Amino acid sequence: MTDPESPEPQPVSELADILRRLRQGDVNPVSRARAWVEAVVPSQERGPGWDRHWRELEAYAAGRGVWSSRRDGGDGGAMGE
């Protein structure tokens, strides 16, 4: 019998991608977090924007503080700040 709390098996290609990132020893903290989270969250539970979300966060972390092109320090968000 299988443990009802254990995650569903993932396709080999997804596991290979996760293993590749883990073996590379990413210096980007978001990349390390992504590897950890993807090892826990089954692919069928991930939303449609999953990959885009992580890639954007990885790019922000790689930019080391370059968060906005606006000079006033605002983020240009929907709230008009």
PDB file of N, CA and C in Angstrom:
ATOM      1  N   MET A   1       0.836  -1.180   0.000  1.00  0.00           N
ATOM      2  CA  MET A   1       0.000   0.000   0.000  1.00  0.00           C
ATOM      3  C   MET A   1       0.879   1.241   0.000  1.00  0.00           C
ATOM      4  N   THR A   2       0.295   2.312  -0.515  1.00  0.00           N
ATOM      5  CA  THR A   2       1.032   3.569  -0.530  1.00  0.00           C
ATOM      6  C   THR A   2       0.555   4.465   0.589  1.00  0.00           C
ATOM      7  N   ASP A   3       1.421   5.314   1.004  1.00  0.00           N
ATOM      8  CA  ASP A   3       1.107   6.278   2.052  1.00  0.00           C
ATOM      9  C   ASP A   3       0.229   7.373   1.445  1.00  0.00           C
ATOM     10  N   PRO A   4      -0.970   7.618   1.988  1.00  0.00           N
ATOM     11  CA  PRO A   4      -1.861   8.631   1.410  1.00  0.00           C
ATOM     12  C   PRO A   4      -1.295  10.045   1.496  1.00  0.00           C
ATOM     13  N   GLU A   5      -0.312  10.261   2.352  1.00  0.00           N
ATOM     14  CA  GLU A   5       0.275  11.586   2.496  1.00  0.00           C
ATOM     15  C   GLU A   5       1.480  11.791   1.599  1.00  0.00           C
ATOM     16  N   SER A   6       1.971  10.738   0.956  1.00  0.00           N
ATOM     17  CA  SER A   6       3.139  10.883   0.091  1.00  0.00           C
ATOM     18  C   SER A   6       2.706  11.502  -1.237  1.00  0.00           C
ATOM     19  N   PRO A   7       3.573  12.347  -1.820  1.00  0.00           N
ATOM     20  CA  PRO A   7       3.218  12.999  -3.073  1.00  0.00           C
ATOM     21  C   PRO A   7       3.167  12.012  -4.232  1.00  0.00           C
ATOM     22  N   GLU A   8       2.394  12.375  -5.250  1.00  0.00           N
ATOM     23  CA  GLU A   8       2.303  11.556  -6.451  1.00  0.00           C
ATOM     24  C   GLU A   8       3.660  11.542  -7.151  1.00  0.00           C
ATOM     25  N   PRO A   9       3.988  10.446  -7.824  1.00  0.00           N
ATOM     26  CA  PRO A   9       5.247  10.418  -8.574  1.00  0.00           C
ATOM     27  C   PRO A   9       5.236  11.465  -9.684  1.00  0.00           C
ATOM     28  N   GLN A  10       6.381  12.069  -9.928  1.00  0.00           N
ATOM     29  CA  GLN A  10       6.501  13.073 -10.973  1.00  0.00           C
ATOM     30  C   GLN A  10       7.118  12.450 -12.222  1.00  0.00           C
ATOM     31  N   PRO A  11       6.812  13.015 -13.394  1.00  0.00           N
ATOM     32  CA  PRO A  11       7.440  12.512 -14.611  1.00  0.00           C
ATOM     33  C   PRO A  11       8.956  12.619 -14.516  1.00  0.00           C
ATOM     34  N   VAL A  12       9.648  11.711 -15.178  1.00  0.00           N
ATOM     35  CA  VAL A  12      11.103  11.645 -15.105  1.00  0.00           C
ATOM     36  C   VAL A  12      11.743  12.962 -15.546  1.00  0.00           C
ATOM     37  N   SER A  13      11.212  13.614 -16.563  1.00  0.00           N
ATOM     38  CA  SER A  13      11.812  14.865 -17.044  1.00  0.00           C
ATOM     39  C   SER A  13      11.783  15.951 -15.970  1.00  0.00           C
ATOM     40  N   GLU A  14      10.703  16.032 -15.210  1.00  0.00           N
ATOM     41  CA  GLU A  14      10.619  17.030 -14.140  1.00  0.00           C
ATOM     42  C   GLU A  14      11.596  16.708 -13.019  1.00  0.00           C
ATOM     43  N   LEU A  15      11.701  15.442 -12.673  1.00  0.00           N
ATOM     44  CA  LEU A  15      12.648  15.047 -11.635  1.00  0.00           C
ATOM     45  C   LEU A  15      14.084  15.303 -12.083  1.00  0.00           C
ATOM     46  N   ALA A  16      14.370  15.022 -13.341  1.00  0.00           N
ATOM     47  CA  ALA A  16      15.719  15.266 -13.857  1.00  0.00           C
ATOM     48  C   ALA A  16      16.059  16.748 -13.788  1.00  0.00           C
ATOM     49  N   ASP A  17      15.081  17.607 -14.097  1.00  0.00           N
ATOM     50  CA  ASP A  17      15.305  19.050 -14.038  1.00  0.00           C
ATOM     51  C   ASP A  17      15.572  19.499 -12.605  1.00  0.00           C
ATOM     52  N   ILE A  18      14.805  18.982 -11.672  1.00  0.00           N
ATOM     53  CA  ILE A  18      15.004  19.315 -10.260  1.00  0.00           C
ATOM     54  C   ILE A  18      16.383  18.844  -9.792  1.00  0.00           C
ATOM     55  N   LEU A  19      16.744  17.622 -10.130  1.00  0.00           N
ATOM     56  CA  LEU A  19      18.058  17.088  -9.742  1.00  0.00           C
ATOM     57  C   LEU A  19      19.195  17.904 -10.348  1.00  0.00           C
ATOM     58  N   ARG A  20      19.037  18.303 -11.603  1.00  0.00           N
ATOM     59  CA  ARG A  20      20.067  19.113 -12.264  1.00  0.00           C
ATOM     60  C   ARG A  20      20.284  20.413 -11.497  1.00  0.00           C
ATOM     61  N   ARG A  21      19.185  21.077 -11.125  1.00  0.00           N
ATOM     62  CA  ARG A  21      19.315  22.337 -10.392  1.00  0.00           C
ATOM     63  C   ARG A  21      19.936  22.115  -9.016  1.00  0.00           C
ATOM     64  N   LEU A  22      19.579  21.030  -8.356  1.00  0.00           N
ATOM     65  CA  LEU A  22      20.151  20.745  -7.038  1.00  0.00           C
ATOM     66  C   LEU A  22      21.648  20.477  -7.131  1.00  0.00           C
ATOM     67  N   ARG A  23      22.063  19.758  -8.154  1.00  0.00           N
ATOM     68  CA  ARG A  23      23.482  19.417  -8.310  1.00  0.00           C
ATOM     69  C   ARG A  23      24.325  20.617  -8.705  1.00  0.00           C
ATOM     70  N   GLN A  24      23.722  21.600  -9.356  1.00  0.00           N
ATOM     71  CA  GLN A  24      24.463  22.786  -9.764  1.00  0.00           C
ATOM     72  C   GLN A  24      24.831  23.652  -8.567  1.00  0.00           C
ATOM     73  N   GLY A  25      24.150  23.480  -7.469  1.00  0.00           N
ATOM     74  CA  GLY A  25      24.444  24.279  -6.288  1.00  0.00           C
ATOM     75  C   GLY A  25      24.190  25.756  -6.523  1.00  0.00           C
ATOM     76  N   ASP A  26      22.980  26.075  -6.936  1.00  0.00           N
ATOM     77  CA  ASP A  26      22.618  27.450  -7.259  1.00  0.00           C
ATOM     78  C   ASP A  26      23.018  28.410  -6.151  1.00  0.00           C
ATOM     79  N   VAL A  27      23.585  29.522  -6.556  1.00  0.00           N
ATOM     80  CA  VAL A  27      23.901  30.567  -5.588  1.00  0.00           C
ATOM     81  C   VAL A  27      22.715  31.502  -5.399  1.00  0.00           C
ATOM     82  N   ASN A  28      21.799  31.497  -6.353  1.00  0.00           N
ATOM     83  CA  ASN A  28      20.604  32.319  -6.255  1.00  0.00           C
ATOM     84  C   ASN A  28      19.692  31.713  -5.181  1.00  0.00           C
ATOM     85  N   PRO A  29      19.374  32.462  -4.132  1.00  0.00           N
ATOM     86  CA  PRO A  29      18.559  31.893  -3.051  1.00  0.00           C
ATOM     87  C   PRO A  29      17.158  31.495  -3.516  1.00  0.00           C
ATOM     88  N   VAL A  30      16.630  32.191  -4.520  1.00  0.00           N
ATOM     89  CA  VAL A  30      15.307  31.838  -5.026  1.00  0.00           C
ATOM     90  C   VAL A  30      15.365  30.507  -5.768  1.00  0.00           C
ATOM     91  N   SER A  31      16.441  30.272  -6.500  1.00  0.00           N
ATOM     92  CA  SER A  31      16.599  28.998  -7.201  1.00  0.00           C
ATOM     93  C   SER A  31      16.692  27.840  -6.212  1.00  0.00           C
ATOM     94  N   ARG A  32      17.415  28.075  -5.118  1.00  0.00           N
ATOM     95  CA  ARG A  32      17.499  27.027  -4.083  1.00  0.00           C
ATOM     96  C   ARG A  32      16.133  26.782  -3.463  1.00  0.00           C
ATOM     97  N   ALA A  33      15.394  27.858  -3.196  1.00  0.00           N
ATOM     98  CA  ALA A  33      14.050  27.715  -2.619  1.00  0.00           C
ATOM     99  C   ALA A  33      13.132  26.985  -3.590  1.00  0.00           C
ATOM    100  N   ARG A  34      13.234  27.305  -4.880  1.00  0.00           N
ATOM    101  CA  ARG A  34      12.389  26.649  -5.877  1.00  0.00           C
ATOM    102  C   ARG A  34      12.637  25.144  -5.891  1.00  0.00           C
ATOM    103  N   ALA A  35      13.904  24.755  -5.851  1.00  0.00           N
ATOM    104  CA  ALA A  35      14.238  23.330  -5.850  1.00  0.00           C
ATOM    105  C   ALA A  35      13.618  22.629  -4.645  1.00  0.00           C
ATOM    106  N   TRP A  36      13.693  23.272  -3.493  1.00  0.00           N
ATOM    107  CA  TRP A  36      13.138  22.676  -2.282  1.00  0.00           C
ATOM    108  C   TRP A  36      11.620  22.567  -2.382  1.00  0.00           C
ATOM    109  N   VAL A  37      10.980  23.640  -2.821  1.00  0.00           N
ATOM    110  CA  VAL A  37       9.514  23.651  -2.916  1.00  0.00           C
ATOM    111  C   VAL A  37       9.033  22.638  -3.950  1.00  0.00           C
ATOM    112  N   GLU A  38       9.712  22.552  -5.097  1.00  0.00           N
ATOM    113  CA  GLU A  38       9.297  21.609  -6.130  1.00  0.00           C
ATOM    114  C   GLU A  38       9.488  20.156  -5.700  1.00  0.00           C
ATOM    115  N   ALA A  39      10.362  19.930  -4.760  1.00  0.00           N
ATOM    116  CA  ALA A  39      10.531  18.576  -4.240  1.00  0.00           C
ATOM    117  C   ALA A  39       9.364  18.185  -3.332  1.00  0.00           C
ATOM    118  N   VAL A  40       8.636  19.179  -2.845  1.00  0.00           N
ATOM    119  CA  VAL A  40       7.544  18.941  -1.908  1.00  0.00           C
ATOM    120  C   VAL A  40       6.164  19.053  -2.561  1.00  0.00           C
ATOM    121  N   VAL A  41       6.007  19.998  -3.480  1.00  0.00           N
ATOM    122  CA  VAL A  41       4.703  20.261  -4.101  1.00  0.00           C
ATOM    123  C   VAL A  41       4.582  19.453  -5.397  1.00  0.00           C
ATOM    124  N   PRO A  42       3.626  18.538  -5.461  1.00  0.00           N
ATOM    125  CA  PRO A  42       3.440  17.746  -6.687  1.00  0.00           C
ATOM    126  C   PRO A  42       3.093  18.643  -7.879  1.00  0.00           C
ATOM    127  N   SER A  43       3.566  18.272  -9.059  1.00  0.00           N
ATOM    128  CA  SER A  43       3.353  19.107 -10.250  1.00  0.00           C
ATOM    129  C   SER A  43       1.878  19.350 -10.538  1.00  0.00           C
ATOM    130  N   GLN A  44       1.013  18.385 -10.237  1.00  0.00           N
ATOM    131  CA  GLN A  44      -0.411  18.564 -10.511  1.00  0.00           C
ATOM    132  C   GLN A  44      -1.059  19.593  -9.587  1.00  0.00           C
ATOM    133  N   GLU A  45      -0.377  19.982  -8.519  1.00  0.00           N
ATOM    134  CA  GLU A  45      -0.912  21.002  -7.608  1.00  0.00           C
ATOM    135  C   GLU A  45      -0.371  22.393  -7.908  1.00  0.00           C
ATOM    136  N   ARG A  46       0.497  22.502  -8.896  1.00  0.00           N
ATOM    137  CA  ARG A  46       1.084  23.785  -9.255  1.00  0.00           C
ATOM    138  C   ARG A  46       0.182  24.515 -10.240  1.00  0.00           C
ATOM    139  N   GLY A  47       0.034  25.800 -10.045  1.00  0.00           N
ATOM    140  CA  GLY A  47      -0.828  26.597 -10.904  1.00  0.00           C
ATOM    141  C   GLY A  47      -0.205  26.876 -12.263  1.00  0.00           C
ATOM    142  N   PRO A  48      -0.990  27.468 -13.171  1.00  0.00           N
ATOM    143  CA  PRO A  48      -0.520  27.714 -14.527  1.00  0.00           C
ATOM    144  C   PRO A  48       0.626  28.728 -14.610  1.00  0.00           C
ATOM    145  N   GLY A  49       0.764  29.605 -13.637  1.00  0.00           N
ATOM    146  CA  GLY A  49       1.835  30.593 -13.664  1.00  0.00           C
ATOM    147  C   GLY A  49       3.050  30.205 -12.841  1.00  0.00           C
ATOM    148  N   TRP A  50       3.118  28.954 -12.439  1.00  0.00           N
ATOM    149  CA  TRP A  50       4.173  28.478 -11.543  1.00  0.00           C
ATOM    150  C   TRP A  50       5.565  28.821 -12.056  1.00  0.00           C
ATOM    151  N   ASP A  51       5.900  28.387 -13.256  1.00  0.00           N
ATOM    152  CA  ASP A  51       7.253  28.577 -13.782  1.00  0.00           C
ATOM    153  C   ASP A  51       7.573  30.053 -13.976  1.00  0.00           C
ATOM    154  N   ARG A  52       6.628  30.808 -14.535  1.00  0.00           N
ATOM    155  CA  ARG A  52       6.835  32.240 -14.758  1.00  0.00           C
ATOM    156  C   ARG A  52       7.094  32.954 -13.437  1.00  0.00           C
ATOM    157  N   HIS A  53       6.316  32.616 -12.427  1.00  0.00           N
ATOM    158  CA  HIS A  53       6.473  33.215 -11.099  1.00  0.00           C
ATOM    159  C   HIS A  53       7.894  33.007 -10.582  1.00  0.00           C
ATOM    160  N   TRP A  54       8.380  31.773 -10.628  1.00  0.00           N
ATOM    161  CA  TRP A  54       9.720  31.466 -10.122  1.00  0.00           C
ATOM    162  C   TRP A  54      10.802  32.152 -10.956  1.00  0.00           C
ATOM    163  N   ARG A  55      10.640  32.162 -12.293  1.00  0.00           N
ATOM    164  CA  ARG A  55      11.651  32.803 -13.137  1.00  0.00           C
ATOM    165  C   ARG A  55      11.745  34.298 -12.842  1.00  0.00           C
ATOM    166  N   GLU A  56      10.596  34.951 -12.602  1.00  0.00           N
ATOM    167  CA  GLU A  56      10.611  36.373 -12.274  1.00  0.00           C
ATOM    168  C   GLU A  56      11.320  36.619 -10.943  1.00  0.00           C
ATOM    169  N   LEU A  57      11.010  35.798  -9.947  1.00  0.00           N
ATOM    170  CA  LEU A  57      11.672  35.953  -8.650  1.00  0.00           C
ATOM    171  C   LEU A  57      13.174  35.685  -8.752  1.00  0.00           C
ATOM    172  N   GLU A  58      13.557  34.682  -9.549  1.00  0.00           N
ATOM    173  CA  GLU A  58      14.986  34.395  -9.745  1.00  0.00           C
ATOM    174  C   GLU A  58      15.693  35.577 -10.404  1.00  0.00           C
ATOM    175  N   ALA A  59      15.023  36.204 -11.369  1.00  0.00           N
ATOM    176  CA  ALA A  59      15.612  37.368 -12.040  1.00  0.00           C
ATOM    177  C   ALA A  59      15.770  38.538 -11.068  1.00  0.00           C
ATOM    178  N   TYR A  60      14.766  38.778 -10.226  1.00  0.00           N
ATOM    179  CA  TYR A  60      14.881  39.836  -9.226  1.00  0.00           C
ATOM    180  C   TYR A  60      16.047  39.577  -8.275  1.00  0.00           C
ATOM    181  N   ALA A  61      16.176  38.360  -7.818  1.00  0.00           N
ATOM    182  CA  ALA A  61      17.263  38.035  -6.892  1.00  0.00           C
ATOM    183  C   ALA A  61      18.619  38.170  -7.575  1.00  0.00           C
ATOM    184  N   ALA A  62      18.700  37.805  -8.837  1.00  0.00           N
ATOM    185  CA  ALA A  62      19.951  37.920  -9.581  1.00  0.00           C
ATOM    186  C   ALA A  62      20.316  39.381  -9.819  1.00  0.00           C
ATOM    187  N   GLY A  63      19.300  40.262  -9.854  1.00  0.00           N
ATOM    188  CA  GLY A  63      19.537  41.683 -10.092  1.00  0.00           C
ATOM    189  C   GLY A  63      20.130  42.412  -8.904  1.00  0.00           C
ATOM    190  N   ARG A  64      20.133  41.789  -7.748  1.00  0.00           N
ATOM    191  CA  ARG A  64      20.717  42.353  -6.521  1.00  0.00           C
ATOM    192  C   ARG A  64      20.295  43.795  -6.267  1.00  0.00           C
ATOM    193  N   GLY A  65      18.985  43.991  -6.120  1.00  0.00           N
ATOM    194  CA  GLY A  65      18.499  45.299  -5.725  1.00  0.00           C
ATOM    195  C   GLY A  65      17.962  46.142  -6.854  1.00  0.00           C
ATOM    196  N   VAL A  66      18.034  45.696  -8.076  1.00  0.00           N
ATOM    197  CA  VAL A  66      17.478  46.441  -9.193  1.00  0.00           C
ATOM    198  C   VAL A  66      16.022  46.014  -9.323  1.00  0.00           C
ATOM    199  N   TRP A  67      15.168  46.610  -8.521  1.00  0.00           N
ATOM    200  CA  TRP A  67      13.778  46.178  -8.426  1.00  0.00           C
ATOM    201  C   TRP A  67      12.842  46.989  -9.302  1.00  0.00           C
ATOM    202  N   SER A  68      13.228  48.186  -9.692  1.00  0.00           N
ATOM    203  CA  SER A  68      12.325  49.026 -10.456  1.00  0.00           C
ATOM    204  C   SER A  68      13.123  49.962 -11.342  1.00  0.00           C
ATOM    205  N   SER A  69      12.532  50.318 -12.464  1.00  0.00           N
ATOM    206  CA  SER A  69      13.190  51.294 -13.335  1.00  0.00           C
ATOM    207  C   SER A  69      12.765  52.717 -12.990  1.00  0.00           C
ATOM    208  N   ARG A  70      11.819  52.860 -12.074  1.00  0.00           N
ATOM    209  CA  ARG A  70      11.347  54.183 -11.680  1.00  0.00           C
ATOM    210  C   ARG A  70      12.340  54.840 -10.727  1.00  0.00           C
ATOM    211  N   ARG A  71      12.570  56.114 -10.920  1.00  0.00           N
ATOM    212  CA  ARG A  71      13.541  56.837 -10.095  1.00  0.00           C
ATOM    213  C   ARG A  71      13.014  57.216  -8.723  1.00  0.00           C
ATOM    214  N   ASP A  72      11.685  57.260  -8.578  1.00  0.00           N
ATOM    215  CA  ASP A  72      11.116  57.684  -7.295  1.00  0.00           C
ATOM    216  C   ASP A  72      11.049  56.546  -6.284  1.00  0.00           C
ATOM    217  N   GLY A  73      11.490  55.363  -6.685  1.00  0.00           N
ATOM    218  CA  GLY A  73      11.513  54.238  -5.765  1.00  0.00           C
ATOM    219  C   GLY A  73      10.228  53.455  -5.727  1.00  0.00           C
ATOM    220  N   GLY A  74       9.163  53.924  -6.400  1.00  0.00           N
ATOM    221  CA  GLY A  74       7.910  53.184  -6.431  1.00  0.00           C
ATOM    222  C   GLY A  74       8.027  51.947  -7.317  1.00  0.00           C
ATOM    223  N   ASP A  75       7.124  51.053  -7.128  1.00  0.00           N
ATOM    224  CA  ASP A  75       7.184  49.812  -7.914  1.00  0.00           C
ATOM    225  C   ASP A  75       6.269  49.849  -9.126  1.00  0.00           C
ATOM    226  N   GLY A  76       5.532  50.926  -9.306  1.00  0.00           N
ATOM    227  CA  GLY A  76       4.651  51.035 -10.458  1.00  0.00           C
ATOM    228  C   GLY A  76       3.483  50.057 -10.385  1.00  0.00           C
ATOM    229  N   GLY A  77       3.149  49.627  -9.197  1.00  0.00           N
ATOM    230  CA  GLY A  77       2.099  48.634  -9.018  1.00  0.00           C
ATOM    231  C   GLY A  77       0.719  49.187  -9.270  1.00  0.00           C
ATOM    232  N   ALA A  78      -0.269  48.325  -9.145  1.00  0.00           N
ATOM    233  CA  ALA A  78      -1.645  48.678  -9.438  1.00  0.00           C
ATOM    234  C   ALA A  78      -2.197  49.746  -8.480  1.00  0.00           C
ATOM    235  N   MET A  79      -1.602  49.881  -7.316  1.00  0.00           N
ATOM    236  CA  MET A  79      -2.100  50.849  -6.337  1.00  0.00           C
ATOM    237  C   MET A  79      -1.605  52.257  -6.629  1.00  0.00           C
ATOM    238  N   GLY A  80      -0.779  52.424  -7.663  1.00  0.00           N
ATOM    239  CA  GLY A  80      -0.295  53.746  -8.036  1.00  0.00           C
ATOM    240  C   GLY A  80       0.741  54.303  -7.103  1.00  0.00           C
ATOM    241  N   GLU A  81       1.412  53.464  -6.381  1.00  0.00           N
ATOM    242  CA  GLU A  81       2.407  53.921  -5.419  1.00  0.00           C
ATOM    243  C   GLU A  81       3.699  54.288  -6.120  1.00  0.00           C
TER     244      GLU A  81
END
